């Protein structure tokens, strides 16, 4: 059993792995089928416009997600942590990467002002995305739920991403599979 899982169990905490990602209007292109000689063509607008997302997953297959325009900053992380605290009862063990937005003064102040009684934060080692099962959520959403999908604008992308996350919430076995993929027991 991984150290984080053991610590969460010993302290009676809910383990939540958190990560952020971006979703662009440009489609995540994957292989697809088409009649012989009829190569599929994806028509899209060349743009860097995107949405940012932050999510948290639990070993029992729960998915929590927040999506917004623009990049995610420390204040957005706090909003997400507050959302988690409203949705999940009891104490939480948050495991995430070492991103600057995760260990800023704003986060430290948030913990010092009362959040620390319910939240304990742990950082994953160095650059090790394969250790964070939440990375599997991004892969599943981009290449499993939304492949080859050109979006007209950010609102269309937001709508499609919301529906994809809802479909994924209905598949807790896929979320638990992300833990197995990262080498964690479920």
N, C-alpha and C. Protein backbone atom coordinates (compact mmCIF):
# COMPACT_ATOMS: atom_id res chain seq x y z
N UNK A 1 0.85 -1.18 0.00
CA UNK A 1 0.00 0.00 0.00
C UNK A 1 0.89 1.24 0.00
N UNK A 2 0.55 2.21 -0.79
CA UNK A 2 1.34 3.44 -0.90
C UNK A 2 1.31 4.22 0.40
N UNK A 3 2.35 4.98 0.62
CA UNK A 3 2.49 5.77 1.84
C UNK A 3 1.30 6.70 2.06
N UNK A 4 0.83 7.36 0.98
CA UNK A 4 -0.29 8.30 1.10
C UNK A 4 -1.57 7.58 1.52
N UNK A 5 -1.80 6.40 0.95
CA UNK A 5 -3.00 5.64 1.30
C UNK A 5 -2.95 5.22 2.76
N UNK A 6 -1.79 4.78 3.19
CA UNK A 6 -1.63 4.32 4.56
C UNK A 6 -1.85 5.48 5.54
N UNK A 7 -1.27 6.63 5.22
CA UNK A 7 -1.43 7.80 6.08
C UNK A 7 -2.90 8.22 6.17
N UNK A 8 -3.59 8.23 5.04
CA UNK A 8 -5.01 8.60 5.02
C UNK A 8 -5.82 7.64 5.87
N UNK A 9 -5.53 6.35 5.74
CA UNK A 9 -6.25 5.33 6.51
C UNK A 9 -6.01 5.49 8.00
N UNK A 10 -4.74 5.67 8.38
CA UNK A 10 -4.39 5.80 9.79
C UNK A 10 -5.05 7.01 10.44
N UNK A 11 -5.16 8.11 9.70
CA UNK A 11 -5.69 9.35 10.24
C UNK A 11 -7.19 9.53 9.97
N UNK A 12 -7.81 8.54 9.33
CA UNK A 12 -9.24 8.64 9.03
C UNK A 12 -9.56 9.75 8.04
N UNK A 13 -8.69 9.94 7.08
CA UNK A 13 -8.86 10.99 6.08
C UNK A 13 -9.30 10.40 4.75
N UNK A 14 -9.99 11.21 3.95
CA UNK A 14 -10.31 10.83 2.58
C UNK A 14 -9.15 11.26 1.71
N UNK A 15 -8.60 10.32 0.96
CA UNK A 15 -7.47 10.60 0.07
C UNK A 15 -7.99 11.18 -1.23
N UNK A 16 -7.45 12.34 -1.64
CA UNK A 16 -7.83 12.99 -2.88
C UNK A 16 -6.57 13.39 -3.63
N UNK A 17 -6.43 12.87 -4.85
CA UNK A 17 -5.33 13.28 -5.72
C UNK A 17 -5.85 14.41 -6.60
N UNK A 18 -5.08 15.48 -6.70
CA UNK A 18 -5.49 16.67 -7.45
C UNK A 18 -4.48 16.98 -8.54
N UNK A 19 -5.00 17.47 -9.68
CA UNK A 19 -4.13 17.90 -10.77
C UNK A 19 -4.88 18.92 -11.62
N UNK A 20 -4.14 19.66 -12.43
CA UNK A 20 -4.72 20.64 -13.34
C UNK A 20 -4.35 20.27 -14.77
N UNK A 21 -5.17 20.73 -15.70
CA UNK A 21 -4.90 20.52 -17.11
C UNK A 21 -5.58 21.61 -17.93
N UNK A 22 -5.24 21.66 -19.21
CA UNK A 22 -5.87 22.62 -20.12
C UNK A 22 -6.53 21.84 -21.25
N UNK A 23 -7.63 22.38 -21.74
CA UNK A 23 -8.36 21.81 -22.86
C UNK A 23 -8.46 22.89 -23.93
N UNK A 24 -7.93 22.58 -25.10
CA UNK A 24 -7.88 23.55 -26.19
C UNK A 24 -9.01 23.30 -27.19
N UNK A 25 -9.34 24.36 -27.94
CA UNK A 25 -10.35 24.22 -28.98
C UNK A 25 -9.87 23.26 -30.06
N UNK A 26 -8.56 23.19 -30.26
CA UNK A 26 -8.02 22.24 -31.23
C UNK A 26 -8.29 20.82 -30.74
N UNK A 27 -8.75 19.95 -31.61
CA UNK A 27 -9.10 18.60 -31.17
C UNK A 27 -7.89 17.74 -30.83
N UNK A 28 -8.06 16.84 -29.87
CA UNK A 28 -7.05 15.81 -29.59
C UNK A 28 -7.25 14.74 -30.66
N UNK A 29 -6.35 14.71 -31.61
CA UNK A 29 -6.51 13.84 -32.77
C UNK A 29 -6.09 12.42 -32.42
N UNK A 30 -6.99 11.48 -32.69
CA UNK A 30 -6.69 10.06 -32.50
C UNK A 30 -7.09 9.32 -33.77
N UNK A 31 -6.60 8.13 -33.89
CA UNK A 31 -6.94 7.29 -35.03
C UNK A 31 -8.41 6.95 -35.04
N UNK A 32 -8.98 6.89 -36.22
CA UNK A 32 -10.40 6.57 -36.33
C UNK A 32 -10.62 5.75 -37.60
N UNK A 33 -11.82 5.26 -37.77
CA UNK A 33 -12.17 4.46 -38.94
C UNK A 33 -12.88 5.33 -39.97
N UNK A 34 -12.67 4.99 -41.22
CA UNK A 34 -13.35 5.67 -42.33
C UNK A 34 -13.35 4.71 -43.51
N UNK A 35 -14.28 4.91 -44.45
CA UNK A 35 -14.27 4.07 -45.64
C UNK A 35 -12.93 4.20 -46.38
N UNK A 36 -12.49 3.13 -46.99
CA UNK A 36 -11.23 3.13 -47.72
C UNK A 36 -11.23 4.27 -48.75
N UNK A 37 -10.15 5.03 -48.76
CA UNK A 37 -10.00 6.13 -49.70
C UNK A 37 -10.68 7.42 -49.26
N UNK A 38 -11.35 7.42 -48.11
CA UNK A 38 -12.06 8.62 -47.62
C UNK A 38 -11.42 9.06 -46.29
N UNK A 39 -10.25 9.62 -46.37
CA UNK A 39 -9.56 10.07 -45.17
C UNK A 39 -10.40 11.11 -44.44
N UNK A 40 -10.66 10.89 -43.14
CA UNK A 40 -11.46 11.88 -42.40
C UNK A 40 -10.70 13.20 -42.28
N UNK A 41 -11.41 14.28 -42.37
CA UNK A 41 -10.82 15.61 -42.25
C UNK A 41 -11.51 16.34 -41.10
N UNK A 42 -10.70 16.84 -40.17
CA UNK A 42 -11.22 17.64 -39.06
C UNK A 42 -11.03 19.11 -39.42
N UNK A 43 -12.09 19.84 -39.46
CA UNK A 43 -12.01 21.27 -39.75
C UNK A 43 -12.11 22.02 -38.43
N UNK A 44 -11.14 22.88 -38.20
CA UNK A 44 -11.13 23.63 -36.96
C UNK A 44 -10.43 24.96 -37.17
N UNK A 45 -10.69 25.86 -36.24
CA UNK A 45 -10.08 27.18 -36.23
C UNK A 45 -8.75 27.07 -35.49
N UNK A 46 -7.67 27.56 -36.08
CA UNK A 46 -6.37 27.52 -35.43
C UNK A 46 -6.32 28.60 -34.35
N UNK A 47 -6.30 28.19 -33.10
CA UNK A 47 -6.34 29.13 -31.98
C UNK A 47 -5.67 28.52 -30.76
N UNK A 48 -5.26 29.38 -29.87
CA UNK A 48 -4.70 28.93 -28.59
C UNK A 48 -5.73 29.06 -27.47
N UNK A 49 -6.94 29.46 -27.82
CA UNK A 49 -7.99 29.62 -26.83
C UNK A 49 -8.20 28.29 -26.10
N UNK A 50 -8.36 28.36 -24.79
CA UNK A 50 -8.49 27.13 -24.01
C UNK A 50 -9.25 27.36 -22.71
N UNK A 51 -9.58 26.26 -22.09
CA UNK A 51 -10.16 26.25 -20.75
C UNK A 51 -9.17 25.55 -19.83
N UNK A 52 -9.14 25.97 -18.59
CA UNK A 52 -8.32 25.30 -17.59
C UNK A 52 -9.23 24.51 -16.67
N UNK A 53 -8.74 23.38 -16.22
CA UNK A 53 -9.54 22.52 -15.33
C UNK A 53 -8.68 22.04 -14.18
N UNK A 54 -9.31 21.88 -13.04
CA UNK A 54 -8.67 21.27 -11.88
C UNK A 54 -9.62 20.18 -11.41
N UNK A 55 -9.05 19.03 -11.09
CA UNK A 55 -9.92 17.93 -10.63
C UNK A 55 -9.26 17.21 -9.46
N UNK A 56 -10.11 16.50 -8.76
CA UNK A 56 -9.65 15.66 -7.67
C UNK A 56 -10.38 14.33 -7.76
N UNK A 57 -9.65 13.23 -7.53
CA UNK A 57 -10.28 11.91 -7.55
C UNK A 57 -9.95 11.16 -6.27
N UNK A 58 -10.88 10.28 -5.89
CA UNK A 58 -10.70 9.48 -4.69
C UNK A 58 -10.61 8.00 -5.08
N UNK A 59 -9.99 7.18 -4.24
CA UNK A 59 -9.87 5.75 -4.56
C UNK A 59 -11.20 5.02 -4.71
N UNK A 60 -12.29 5.59 -4.16
CA UNK A 60 -13.58 4.92 -4.32
C UNK A 60 -14.30 5.34 -5.61
N UNK A 61 -13.61 6.10 -6.47
CA UNK A 61 -14.15 6.40 -7.79
C UNK A 61 -14.91 7.70 -7.91
N UNK A 62 -14.71 8.62 -6.97
CA UNK A 62 -15.37 9.93 -7.05
C UNK A 62 -14.52 10.90 -7.86
N UNK A 63 -15.18 11.76 -8.63
CA UNK A 63 -14.52 12.78 -9.44
C UNK A 63 -15.11 14.14 -9.09
N UNK A 64 -14.25 15.09 -8.75
CA UNK A 64 -14.64 16.47 -8.50
C UNK A 64 -13.88 17.33 -9.50
N UNK A 65 -14.57 18.28 -10.14
CA UNK A 65 -13.90 19.06 -11.17
C UNK A 65 -14.43 20.49 -11.21
N UNK A 66 -13.52 21.40 -11.54
CA UNK A 66 -13.85 22.81 -11.74
C UNK A 66 -13.20 23.24 -13.05
N UNK A 67 -13.96 23.91 -13.92
CA UNK A 67 -13.47 24.35 -15.23
C UNK A 67 -13.66 25.85 -15.33
N UNK A 68 -12.68 26.54 -15.94
CA UNK A 68 -12.78 27.99 -16.08
C UNK A 68 -11.99 28.48 -17.28
N UNK A 69 -12.31 29.69 -17.72
CA UNK A 69 -11.49 30.38 -18.72
C UNK A 69 -10.20 30.81 -18.05
N UNK A 70 -9.13 30.87 -18.81
CA UNK A 70 -7.87 31.37 -18.27
C UNK A 70 -7.16 30.36 -17.39
N UNK A 71 -5.97 30.72 -17.01
CA UNK A 71 -5.14 29.84 -16.20
C UNK A 71 -5.64 29.76 -14.77
N UNK A 72 -5.29 28.68 -14.11
CA UNK A 72 -5.65 28.48 -12.70
C UNK A 72 -4.55 29.06 -11.83
N UNK A 73 -4.96 29.87 -10.86
CA UNK A 73 -4.00 30.46 -9.93
C UNK A 73 -4.30 29.92 -8.52
N UNK A 74 -3.50 30.36 -7.56
CA UNK A 74 -3.66 29.87 -6.18
C UNK A 74 -5.05 30.15 -5.62
N UNK A 75 -5.63 31.30 -5.96
CA UNK A 75 -6.98 31.61 -5.46
C UNK A 75 -8.00 30.62 -6.02
N UNK A 76 -7.83 30.21 -7.26
CA UNK A 76 -8.72 29.22 -7.86
C UNK A 76 -8.56 27.87 -7.17
N UNK A 77 -7.34 27.55 -6.80
CA UNK A 77 -7.08 26.30 -6.07
C UNK A 77 -7.82 26.33 -4.74
N UNK A 78 -7.81 27.47 -4.07
CA UNK A 78 -8.51 27.59 -2.80
C UNK A 78 -10.01 27.40 -2.99
N UNK A 79 -10.57 27.98 -4.04
CA UNK A 79 -12.00 27.80 -4.33
C UNK A 79 -12.29 26.31 -4.52
N UNK A 80 -11.41 25.62 -5.23
CA UNK A 80 -11.61 24.18 -5.45
C UNK A 80 -11.50 23.41 -4.13
N UNK A 81 -10.51 23.74 -3.31
CA UNK A 81 -10.36 23.07 -2.01
C UNK A 81 -11.58 23.31 -1.13
N UNK A 82 -12.12 24.52 -1.16
CA UNK A 82 -13.34 24.81 -0.39
C UNK A 82 -14.51 23.98 -0.91
N UNK A 83 -14.58 23.83 -2.21
CA UNK A 83 -15.62 22.98 -2.81
C UNK A 83 -15.48 21.54 -2.32
N UNK A 84 -14.26 21.04 -2.31
CA UNK A 84 -14.01 19.68 -1.81
C UNK A 84 -14.45 19.55 -0.35
N UNK A 85 -14.14 20.56 0.43
CA UNK A 85 -14.49 20.51 1.85
C UNK A 85 -16.01 20.53 2.06
N UNK A 86 -16.74 21.14 1.14
CA UNK A 86 -18.20 21.12 1.21
C UNK A 86 -18.77 19.78 0.77
N UNK A 87 -18.13 19.15 -0.21
CA UNK A 87 -18.65 17.92 -0.81
C UNK A 87 -18.25 16.66 -0.03
N UNK A 88 -17.07 16.67 0.57
CA UNK A 88 -16.55 15.48 1.24
C UNK A 88 -16.51 15.72 2.75
N UNK A 89 -17.16 14.84 3.48
CA UNK A 89 -17.18 14.98 4.94
C UNK A 89 -15.85 14.54 5.54
N UNK A 90 -15.54 15.08 6.70
CA UNK A 90 -14.36 14.67 7.44
C UNK A 90 -13.09 15.30 6.93
N UNK A 91 -11.98 14.73 7.38
CA UNK A 91 -10.67 15.25 7.05
C UNK A 91 -10.22 14.74 5.68
N UNK A 92 -9.41 15.57 5.01
CA UNK A 92 -8.92 15.23 3.67
C UNK A 92 -7.40 15.21 3.63
N UNK A 93 -6.87 14.25 2.91
CA UNK A 93 -5.44 14.21 2.60
C UNK A 93 -5.33 14.51 1.12
N UNK A 94 -4.81 15.68 0.79
CA UNK A 94 -4.67 16.12 -0.59
C UNK A 94 -3.26 15.80 -1.06
N UNK A 95 -3.17 15.10 -2.19
CA UNK A 95 -1.87 14.78 -2.78
C UNK A 95 -1.82 15.42 -4.15
N UNK A 96 -0.79 16.23 -4.39
CA UNK A 96 -0.66 16.92 -5.67
C UNK A 96 0.80 17.14 -6.01
N UNK A 97 1.04 17.70 -7.20
CA UNK A 97 2.42 17.94 -7.65
C UNK A 97 2.98 19.18 -6.96
N UNK A 98 4.21 19.50 -7.28
CA UNK A 98 4.89 20.62 -6.63
C UNK A 98 4.71 21.94 -7.35
N UNK A 99 3.63 22.11 -8.09
CA UNK A 99 3.39 23.36 -8.81
C UNK A 99 3.42 24.56 -7.88
N UNK A 100 3.90 25.68 -8.41
CA UNK A 100 4.02 26.90 -7.61
C UNK A 100 2.67 27.33 -7.04
N UNK A 101 1.58 27.09 -7.74
CA UNK A 101 0.27 27.50 -7.23
C UNK A 101 -0.17 26.67 -6.02
N UNK A 102 0.52 25.56 -5.77
CA UNK A 102 0.15 24.69 -4.64
C UNK A 102 0.88 25.06 -3.36
N UNK A 103 1.94 25.81 -3.45
CA UNK A 103 2.67 26.14 -2.21
C UNK A 103 2.95 27.64 -2.11
N UNK A 104 2.00 28.43 -2.57
CA UNK A 104 2.15 29.88 -2.51
C UNK A 104 1.77 30.39 -1.11
N UNK A 105 2.04 31.67 -0.89
CA UNK A 105 1.67 32.30 0.38
C UNK A 105 0.15 32.29 0.56
N UNK A 106 -0.58 32.41 -0.54
CA UNK A 106 -2.05 32.41 -0.47
C UNK A 106 -2.55 31.07 0.08
N UNK A 107 -1.95 29.98 -0.36
CA UNK A 107 -2.33 28.65 0.15
C UNK A 107 -1.94 28.52 1.62
N UNK A 108 -0.75 28.99 1.97
CA UNK A 108 -0.31 28.93 3.37
C UNK A 108 -1.26 29.72 4.27
N UNK A 109 -1.69 30.91 3.82
CA UNK A 109 -2.63 31.72 4.59
C UNK A 109 -3.97 31.01 4.74
N UNK A 110 -4.43 30.39 3.67
CA UNK A 110 -5.69 29.64 3.70
C UNK A 110 -5.63 28.55 4.76
N UNK A 111 -4.53 27.82 4.80
CA UNK A 111 -4.37 26.76 5.81
C UNK A 111 -4.29 27.35 7.21
N UNK A 112 -3.53 28.43 7.35
CA UNK A 112 -3.34 29.06 8.67
C UNK A 112 -4.64 29.64 9.21
N UNK A 113 -5.56 30.01 8.33
CA UNK A 113 -6.83 30.60 8.75
C UNK A 113 -7.93 29.58 8.98
N UNK A 114 -7.56 28.36 9.28
CA UNK A 114 -8.56 27.38 9.70
C UNK A 114 -8.71 26.14 8.84
N UNK A 115 -8.26 26.17 7.61
CA UNK A 115 -8.45 25.02 6.73
C UNK A 115 -7.59 23.83 7.14
N UNK A 116 -6.50 24.10 7.84
CA UNK A 116 -5.57 23.03 8.22
C UNK A 116 -6.20 22.00 9.16
N UNK A 117 -7.29 22.36 9.84
CA UNK A 117 -7.91 21.38 10.74
C UNK A 117 -8.58 20.26 9.95
N UNK A 118 -8.90 20.50 8.66
CA UNK A 118 -9.51 19.46 7.83
C UNK A 118 -8.62 18.99 6.69
N UNK A 119 -7.70 19.83 6.28
CA UNK A 119 -6.86 19.51 5.13
C UNK A 119 -5.43 19.23 5.54
N UNK A 120 -4.87 18.18 4.98
CA UNK A 120 -3.44 17.94 5.08
C UNK A 120 -2.94 17.80 3.64
N UNK A 121 -1.91 18.56 3.29
CA UNK A 121 -1.40 18.58 1.92
C UNK A 121 -0.08 17.83 1.84
N UNK A 122 0.03 16.97 0.84
CA UNK A 122 1.26 16.22 0.56
C UNK A 122 1.66 16.48 -0.87
N UNK A 123 2.95 16.61 -1.09
CA UNK A 123 3.47 16.86 -2.43
C UNK A 123 4.06 15.57 -3.01
N UNK A 124 3.75 15.33 -4.28
CA UNK A 124 4.36 14.21 -4.99
C UNK A 124 5.83 14.52 -5.22
N UNK A 125 6.67 13.51 -5.37
CA UNK A 125 8.08 13.77 -5.63
C UNK A 125 8.30 14.39 -7.01
N UNK A 126 9.29 15.28 -7.08
CA UNK A 126 9.73 15.89 -8.34
C UNK A 126 8.76 15.81 -9.49
N UNK A 127 9.27 15.73 -10.68
CA UNK A 127 8.39 15.59 -11.84
C UNK A 127 8.09 14.11 -12.02
N UNK A 128 6.94 13.69 -11.53
CA UNK A 128 6.55 12.28 -11.59
C UNK A 128 5.07 12.16 -11.88
N UNK A 129 4.63 12.60 -13.07
CA UNK A 129 3.19 12.56 -13.37
C UNK A 129 2.61 11.14 -13.34
N UNK A 130 3.46 10.15 -13.56
CA UNK A 130 2.96 8.77 -13.57
C UNK A 130 2.52 8.31 -12.18
N UNK A 131 2.89 9.05 -11.14
CA UNK A 131 2.49 8.70 -9.77
C UNK A 131 1.15 9.30 -9.39
N UNK A 132 0.65 10.24 -10.19
CA UNK A 132 -0.62 10.89 -9.88
C UNK A 132 -1.73 10.26 -10.72
N UNK A 133 -2.64 9.51 -10.10
CA UNK A 133 -3.71 8.87 -10.86
C UNK A 133 -4.62 9.86 -11.58
N UNK A 134 -4.65 11.12 -11.12
CA UNK A 134 -5.49 12.12 -11.76
C UNK A 134 -5.02 12.41 -13.19
N UNK A 135 -3.77 12.14 -13.51
CA UNK A 135 -3.28 12.29 -14.89
C UNK A 135 -4.07 11.38 -15.83
N UNK A 136 -4.48 10.21 -15.33
CA UNK A 136 -5.27 9.29 -16.14
C UNK A 136 -6.64 9.85 -16.49
N UNK A 137 -7.17 10.71 -15.62
CA UNK A 137 -8.46 11.35 -15.88
C UNK A 137 -8.33 12.26 -17.10
N UNK A 138 -7.24 13.05 -17.13
CA UNK A 138 -7.04 13.95 -18.28
C UNK A 138 -6.90 13.15 -19.56
N UNK A 139 -6.15 12.09 -19.51
CA UNK A 139 -5.96 11.25 -20.69
C UNK A 139 -7.29 10.67 -21.16
N UNK A 140 -8.09 10.18 -20.21
CA UNK A 140 -9.38 9.59 -20.57
C UNK A 140 -10.32 10.64 -21.18
N UNK A 141 -10.35 11.82 -20.57
CA UNK A 141 -11.24 12.86 -21.09
C UNK A 141 -10.80 13.31 -22.49
N UNK A 142 -9.51 13.55 -22.67
CA UNK A 142 -9.03 14.07 -23.96
C UNK A 142 -9.08 13.03 -25.07
N UNK A 143 -8.66 11.80 -24.76
CA UNK A 143 -8.51 10.79 -25.82
C UNK A 143 -9.58 9.70 -25.79
N UNK A 144 -10.38 9.66 -24.72
CA UNK A 144 -11.44 8.66 -24.64
C UNK A 144 -12.83 9.26 -24.80
N UNK A 145 -13.06 10.41 -24.19
CA UNK A 145 -14.38 11.04 -24.22
C UNK A 145 -14.50 12.12 -25.30
N UNK A 146 -13.40 12.84 -25.56
CA UNK A 146 -13.48 13.99 -26.47
C UNK A 146 -12.52 13.91 -27.66
N UNK A 147 -12.20 12.72 -28.17
CA UNK A 147 -11.23 12.67 -29.27
C UNK A 147 -11.82 13.24 -30.57
N UNK A 148 -10.97 13.84 -31.38
CA UNK A 148 -11.35 14.34 -32.70
C UNK A 148 -12.51 15.33 -32.66
N UNK A 149 -12.67 16.04 -31.55
CA UNK A 149 -13.80 16.94 -31.40
C UNK A 149 -13.35 18.39 -31.60
N UNK A 150 -13.59 18.97 -32.78
CA UNK A 150 -13.27 20.39 -32.95
C UNK A 150 -14.41 21.23 -32.37
N UNK A 151 -14.09 22.18 -31.53
CA UNK A 151 -15.11 23.01 -30.90
C UNK A 151 -15.14 24.39 -31.55
N UNK A 152 -16.33 24.95 -31.66
CA UNK A 152 -16.52 26.26 -32.28
C UNK A 152 -15.92 27.38 -31.44
N UNK A 153 -16.13 27.28 -30.13
CA UNK A 153 -15.67 28.33 -29.22
C UNK A 153 -15.54 27.74 -27.82
N UNK A 154 -15.12 28.58 -26.87
CA UNK A 154 -14.90 28.11 -25.51
C UNK A 154 -16.20 27.62 -24.86
N UNK A 155 -17.31 28.23 -25.18
CA UNK A 155 -18.59 27.80 -24.61
C UNK A 155 -18.95 26.39 -25.08
N UNK A 156 -18.72 26.11 -26.35
CA UNK A 156 -18.96 24.76 -26.88
C UNK A 156 -18.05 23.75 -26.19
N UNK A 157 -16.77 24.11 -26.05
CA UNK A 157 -15.81 23.23 -25.36
C UNK A 157 -16.24 23.00 -23.91
N UNK A 158 -16.67 24.06 -23.24
CA UNK A 158 -17.11 23.94 -21.85
C UNK A 158 -18.28 22.96 -21.74
N UNK A 159 -19.23 23.09 -22.64
CA UNK A 159 -20.40 22.21 -22.64
C UNK A 159 -20.00 20.75 -22.87
N UNK A 160 -19.14 20.52 -23.85
CA UNK A 160 -18.69 19.15 -24.15
C UNK A 160 -17.88 18.57 -22.99
N UNK A 161 -17.04 19.40 -22.38
CA UNK A 161 -16.22 18.93 -21.26
C UNK A 161 -17.10 18.60 -20.05
N UNK A 162 -18.10 19.42 -19.79
CA UNK A 162 -19.03 19.15 -18.70
C UNK A 162 -19.76 17.83 -18.89
N UNK A 163 -20.22 17.59 -20.12
CA UNK A 163 -20.93 16.32 -20.40
C UNK A 163 -19.97 15.13 -20.29
N UNK A 164 -18.73 15.31 -20.76
CA UNK A 164 -17.74 14.22 -20.67
C UNK A 164 -17.43 13.89 -19.21
N UNK A 165 -17.30 14.91 -18.36
CA UNK A 165 -17.04 14.68 -16.94
C UNK A 165 -18.22 13.98 -16.29
N UNK A 166 -19.44 14.34 -16.69
CA UNK A 166 -20.63 13.68 -16.15
C UNK A 166 -20.66 12.21 -16.55
N UNK A 167 -20.30 11.92 -17.80
CA UNK A 167 -20.24 10.52 -18.23
C UNK A 167 -19.19 9.76 -17.43
N UNK A 168 -18.05 10.41 -17.19
CA UNK A 168 -16.97 9.76 -16.43
C UNK A 168 -17.38 9.51 -14.99
N UNK A 169 -18.12 10.41 -14.39
CA UNK A 169 -18.60 10.20 -13.01
C UNK A 169 -19.48 8.96 -12.92
N UNK A 170 -20.14 8.61 -14.01
CA UNK A 170 -20.97 7.41 -14.06
C UNK A 170 -20.17 6.14 -14.29
N UNK A 171 -18.85 6.27 -14.39
CA UNK A 171 -17.96 5.12 -14.60
C UNK A 171 -16.89 5.08 -13.51
N UNK A 172 -17.28 4.83 -12.26
CA UNK A 172 -16.27 4.84 -11.18
C UNK A 172 -15.18 3.81 -11.39
N UNK A 173 -15.47 2.74 -12.15
CA UNK A 173 -14.45 1.73 -12.40
C UNK A 173 -13.30 2.31 -13.24
N UNK A 174 -13.60 3.27 -14.10
CA UNK A 174 -12.54 3.92 -14.89
C UNK A 174 -11.68 4.79 -13.98
N UNK A 175 -12.32 5.51 -13.06
CA UNK A 175 -11.58 6.35 -12.12
C UNK A 175 -10.70 5.48 -11.23
N UNK A 176 -11.25 4.38 -10.72
CA UNK A 176 -10.45 3.47 -9.90
C UNK A 176 -9.31 2.86 -10.72
N UNK A 177 -9.55 2.65 -12.02
CA UNK A 177 -8.51 2.13 -12.90
C UNK A 177 -7.32 3.07 -13.01
N UNK A 178 -7.57 4.37 -12.88
CA UNK A 178 -6.48 5.34 -12.91
C UNK A 178 -5.55 5.13 -11.71
N UNK A 179 -6.13 4.73 -10.57
CA UNK A 179 -5.31 4.44 -9.40
C UNK A 179 -4.46 3.20 -9.66
N UNK A 180 -5.08 2.17 -10.23
CA UNK A 180 -4.33 0.94 -10.54
C UNK A 180 -3.20 1.23 -11.52
N UNK A 181 -3.49 2.06 -12.54
CA UNK A 181 -2.49 2.43 -13.54
C UNK A 181 -1.30 3.13 -12.90
N UNK A 182 -1.54 3.91 -11.83
CA UNK A 182 -0.48 4.60 -11.13
C UNK A 182 0.22 3.71 -10.09
N UNK A 183 -0.21 2.45 -10.02
CA UNK A 183 0.44 1.51 -9.10
C UNK A 183 -0.09 1.58 -7.69
N UNK A 184 -1.29 2.12 -7.50
CA UNK A 184 -1.88 2.22 -6.18
C UNK A 184 -2.98 1.21 -6.00
N UNK A 185 -3.12 0.67 -4.81
CA UNK A 185 -4.19 -0.28 -4.52
C UNK A 185 -5.49 0.47 -4.34
N UNK A 186 -6.57 -0.15 -4.79
CA UNK A 186 -7.89 0.49 -4.64
C UNK A 186 -8.71 -0.35 -3.69
